[in-house]
Amino acid sequence: MVFNPESADFTNLNSEEGMTNELLDYLQHQPPEVLSRVAQSVSGEIRQIISHNVQGLVGVLPADGFSVQVSTDRENLAGLLASAMMTGYFLRQMEQRMELETNLSSSLSSDLDSDLNPIDKSKAEE
């Protein structure tokens, strides 16, 4: 599922707040390919965490024994969606930080290994 600002009903958002929402304007001018690429860059791990988080907020009962119906109003649903989005952005940033730290750590350890075990250049050239 990809966010599509053109099909979403955000027409009253700017008038309700009395000011221009710059982020909304920016999103509306993005090509669908960019939005799709951003949406697809989320890992399965992040999707799983967000799904678990939303299920915890809404409440989860086993499907085989219960038929659950959730009702809410527009403001509460918007808050839930905003929370899920912010969680996703936070988790993606943390995932990128973890990847960076792992790569940096690997790079530093390989540099240390090469400093501790120098290769004789004359043997390496042979």
C-alpha atoms as a PDB file:
ATOM      1  CA  MET A   1       0.000   0.000   0.000  1.00  0.00           C
ATOM      2  CA  VAL A   2       1.444   3.342  -1.077  1.00  0.00           C
ATOM      3  CA  PHE A   3       0.431   6.755   0.181  1.00  0.00           C
ATOM      4  CA  ASN A   4      -1.206   8.729  -2.610  1.00  0.00           C
ATOM      5  CA  PRO A   5      -1.768  12.381  -1.641  1.00  0.00           C
ATOM      6  CA  GLU A   6      -3.742  13.055  -4.816  1.00  0.00           C
ATOM      7  CA  SER A   7      -6.445  10.512  -3.991  1.00  0.00           C
ATOM      8  CA  ALA A   8      -6.570  11.377  -0.278  1.00  0.00           C
ATOM      9  CA  ASP A   9      -9.069  13.984   0.877  1.00  0.00           C
ATOM     10  CA  PHE A  10      -6.795  16.716   2.182  1.00  0.00           C
ATOM     11  CA  THR A  11      -8.647  19.576   0.522  1.00  0.00           C
ATOM     12  CA  ASN A  12      -9.783  21.173   3.787  1.00  0.00           C
ATOM     13  CA  LEU A  13      -6.524  20.717   5.670  1.00  0.00           C
ATOM     14  CA  ASN A  14      -4.981  24.049   4.719  1.00  0.00           C
ATOM     15  CA  SER A  15      -8.201  26.016   5.303  1.00  0.00           C
ATOM     16  CA  GLU A  16      -8.885  24.353   8.688  1.00  0.00           C
ATOM     17  CA  GLU A  17      -5.546  25.441  10.128  1.00  0.00           C
ATOM     18  CA  GLY A  18      -5.632  28.859   8.487  1.00  0.00           C
ATOM     19  CA  MET A  19      -2.159  28.367   7.021  1.00  0.00           C
ATOM     20  CA  THR A  20      -0.456  26.447   4.259  1.00  0.00           C
ATOM     21  CA  ASN A  21       0.770  22.982   5.128  1.00  0.00           C
ATOM     22  CA  GLU A  22       4.163  22.884   3.413  1.00  0.00           C
ATOM     23  CA  LEU A  23       4.579  19.150   3.856  1.00  0.00           C
ATOM     24  CA  LEU A  24       1.233  18.472   2.197  1.00  0.00           C
ATOM     25  CA  ASP A  25       2.164  20.752  -0.690  1.00  0.00           C
ATOM     26  CA  TYR A  26       5.483  18.939  -1.037  1.00  0.00           C
ATOM     27  CA  LEU A  27       3.827  15.499  -1.003  1.00  0.00           C
ATOM     28  CA  GLN A  28       1.270  16.531  -3.611  1.00  0.00           C
ATOM     29  CA  HIS A  29       4.060  17.535  -5.990  1.00  0.00           C
ATOM     30  CA  GLN A  30       5.990  14.254  -5.689  1.00  0.00           C
ATOM     31  CA  PRO A  31       5.781  11.778  -8.550  1.00  0.00           C
ATOM     32  CA  PRO A  32       4.032   8.509  -7.625  1.00  0.00           C
ATOM     33  CA  GLU A  33       7.290   6.630  -8.330  1.00  0.00           C
ATOM     34  CA  VAL A  34       9.066   8.510  -5.529  1.00  0.00           C
ATOM     35  CA  LEU A  35       6.298   7.780  -3.029  1.00  0.00           C
ATOM     36  CA  SER A  36       6.234   4.134  -4.088  1.00  0.00           C
ATOM     37  CA  ARG A  37      10.021   3.803  -3.725  1.00  0.00           C
ATOM     38  CA  VAL A  38       9.921   5.327  -0.228  1.00  0.00           C
ATOM     39  CA  ALA A  39       7.056   3.045   0.833  1.00  0.00           C
ATOM     40  CA  GLN A  40       8.818  -0.042  -0.492  1.00  0.00           C
ATOM     41  CA  SER A  41      12.071   0.790   1.292  1.00  0.00           C
ATOM     42  CA  VAL A  42      10.551  -0.186   4.637  1.00  0.00           C
ATOM     43  CA  SER A  43      11.862  -3.527   5.848  1.00  0.00           C
ATOM     44  CA  GLY A  44       9.688  -6.423   6.936  1.00  0.00           C
ATOM     45  CA  GLU A  45      11.007  -5.996  10.473  1.00  0.00           C
ATOM     46  CA  ILE A  46       9.677  -2.434  10.646  1.00  0.00           C
ATOM     47  CA  ARG A  47       6.314  -3.496   9.220  1.00  0.00           C
ATOM     48  CA  GLN A  48       6.103  -6.224  11.851  1.00  0.00           C
ATOM     49  CA  ILE A  49       6.864  -3.812  14.717  1.00  0.00           C
ATOM     50  CA  ILE A  50       4.326  -1.254  13.485  1.00  0.00           C
ATOM     51  CA  SER A  51       1.699  -3.956  12.991  1.00  0.00           C
ATOM     52  CA  HIS A  52       2.279  -5.258  16.505  1.00  0.00           C
ATOM     53  CA  ASN A  53       2.129  -1.718  17.888  1.00  0.00           C
ATOM     54  CA  VAL A  54      -1.161  -0.886  16.128  1.00  0.00           C
ATOM     55  CA  GLN A  55      -2.681  -4.215  17.135  1.00  0.00           C
ATOM     56  CA  GLY A  56      -1.704  -3.474  20.723  1.00  0.00           C
ATOM     57  CA  LEU A  57      -3.359  -0.071  20.536  1.00  0.00           C
ATOM     58  CA  VAL A  58      -6.544  -1.380  18.917  1.00  0.00           C
ATOM     59  CA  GLY A  59      -6.702  -4.679  20.772  1.00  0.00           C
ATOM     60  CA  VAL A  60      -6.210  -8.133  19.390  1.00  0.00           C
ATOM     61  CA  LEU A  61      -8.284 -11.208  20.105  1.00  0.00           C
ATOM     62  CA  PRO A  62      -7.923 -14.574  18.377  1.00  0.00           C
ATOM     63  CA  ALA A  63      -9.858 -14.549  15.102  1.00  0.00           C
ATOM     64  CA  ASP A  64     -11.121 -18.107  15.594  1.00  0.00           C
ATOM     65  CA  GLY A  65     -13.026 -17.298  18.783  1.00  0.00           C
ATOM     66  CA  PHE A  66     -14.014 -13.668  18.377  1.00  0.00           C
ATOM     67  CA  SER A  67     -15.419 -11.320  15.821  1.00  0.00           C
ATOM     68  CA  VAL A  68     -13.927  -7.949  16.673  1.00  0.00           C
ATOM     69  CA  GLN A  69     -15.281  -4.676  15.379  1.00  0.00           C
ATOM     70  CA  VAL A  70     -13.497  -1.419  16.141  1.00  0.00           C
ATOM     71  CA  SER A  71     -15.190   1.931  15.801  1.00  0.00           C
ATOM     72  CA  THR A  72     -13.672   5.347  16.302  1.00  0.00           C
ATOM     73  CA  ASP A  73     -14.068   8.918  15.199  1.00  0.00           C
ATOM     74  CA  ARG A  74     -12.066  10.805  12.616  1.00  0.00           C
ATOM     75  CA  GLU A  75      -9.742  12.533  15.105  1.00  0.00           C
ATOM     76  CA  ASN A  76      -8.810   9.346  16.964  1.00  0.00           C
ATOM     77  CA  LEU A  77      -8.180   7.476  13.714  1.00  0.00           C
ATOM     78  CA  ALA A  78      -5.993  10.336  12.493  1.00  0.00           C
ATOM     79  CA  GLY A  79      -4.054  10.171  15.756  1.00  0.00           C
ATOM     80  CA  LEU A  80      -3.581   6.418  15.399  1.00  0.00           C
ATOM     81  CA  LEU A  81      -2.350   6.780  11.821  1.00  0.00           C
ATOM     82  CA  ALA A  82      -0.027   9.639  12.758  1.00  0.00           C
ATOM     83  CA  SER A  83       1.382   7.558  15.606  1.00  0.00           C
ATOM     84  CA  ALA A  84       1.976   4.594  13.287  1.00  0.00           C
ATOM     85  CA  MET A  85       3.674   6.843  10.727  1.00  0.00           C
ATOM     86  CA  MET A  86       5.925   8.471  13.309  1.00  0.00           C
ATOM     87  CA  THR A  87       6.819   5.059  14.688  1.00  0.00           C
ATOM     88  CA  GLY A  88       7.718   3.959  11.174  1.00  0.00           C
ATOM     89  CA  TYR A  89       9.929   6.974  10.542  1.00  0.00           C
ATOM     90  CA  PHE A  90      11.641   6.539  13.903  1.00  0.00           C
ATOM     91  CA  LEU A  91      12.212   2.828  13.344  1.00  0.00           C
ATOM     92  CA  ARG A  92      13.589   3.410   9.846  1.00  0.00           C
ATOM     93  CA  GLN A  93      16.049   5.971  11.190  1.00  0.00           C
ATOM     94  CA  MET A  94      17.136   3.558  13.920  1.00  0.00           C
ATOM     95  CA  GLU A  95      17.497   0.759  11.360  1.00  0.00           C
ATOM     96  CA  GLN A  96      19.714   2.978   9.208  1.00  0.00           C
ATOM     97  CA  ARG A  97      21.764   3.936  12.270  1.00  0.00           C
ATOM     98  CA  MET A  98      22.197   0.257  13.190  1.00  0.00           C
ATOM     99  CA  GLU A  99      23.351  -0.529   9.627  1.00  0.00           C
ATOM    100  CA  LEU A 100      25.780   2.393   9.695  1.00  0.00           C
ATOM    101  CA  GLU A 101      27.212   1.359  13.062  1.00  0.00           C
ATOM    102  CA  THR A 102      27.573  -2.245  11.881  1.00  0.00           C
ATOM    103  CA  ASN A 103      29.352  -1.167   8.708  1.00  0.00           C
ATOM    104  CA  LEU A 104      31.566   1.252  10.596  1.00  0.00           C
ATOM    105  CA  SER A 105      32.411  -1.369  13.196  1.00  0.00           C
ATOM    106  CA  SER A 106      33.267  -3.897  10.474  1.00  0.00           C
ATOM    107  CA  SER A 107      35.403  -1.353   8.685  1.00  0.00           C
ATOM    108  CA  LEU A 108      37.262  -0.376  11.854  1.00  0.00           C
ATOM    109  CA  SER A 109      37.875  -3.974  12.881  1.00  0.00           C
ATOM    110  CA  SER A 110      39.240  -4.846   9.425  1.00  0.00           C
ATOM    111  CA  ASP A 111      41.504  -1.773   9.601  1.00  0.00           C
ATOM    112  CA  LEU A 112      42.730  -2.867  13.033  1.00  0.00           C
ATOM    113  CA  ASP A 113      43.321  -6.407  11.783  1.00  0.00           C
ATOM    114  CA  SER A 114      45.409  -5.136   8.896  1.00  0.00           C
ATOM    115  CA  ASP A 115      47.406  -2.888  11.259  1.00  0.00           C
ATOM    116  CA  LEU A 116      48.072  -5.785  13.649  1.00  0.00           C
ATOM    117  CA  ASN A 117      48.946  -8.266  10.880  1.00  0.00           C
ATOM    118  CA  PRO A 118      50.795  -6.230   8.257  1.00  0.00           C
ATOM    119  CA  ILE A 119      51.354  -8.033   4.976  1.00  0.00           C
ATOM    120  CA  ASP A 120      54.874  -8.019   3.640  1.00  0.00           C
ATOM    121  CA  LYS A 121      54.449  -6.045   0.431  1.00  0.00           C
ATOM    122  CA  SER A 122      57.238  -7.869  -1.329  1.00  0.00           C
ATOM    123  CA  LYS A 123      55.491 -11.222  -0.729  1.00  0.00           C
ATOM    124  CA  ALA A 124      52.123  -9.766  -1.757  1.00  0.00           C
ATOM    125  CA  GLU A 125      53.543  -8.583  -5.075  1.00  0.00           C
ATOM    126  CA  GLU A 126      54.901 -12.054  -5.945  1.00  0.00           C
END
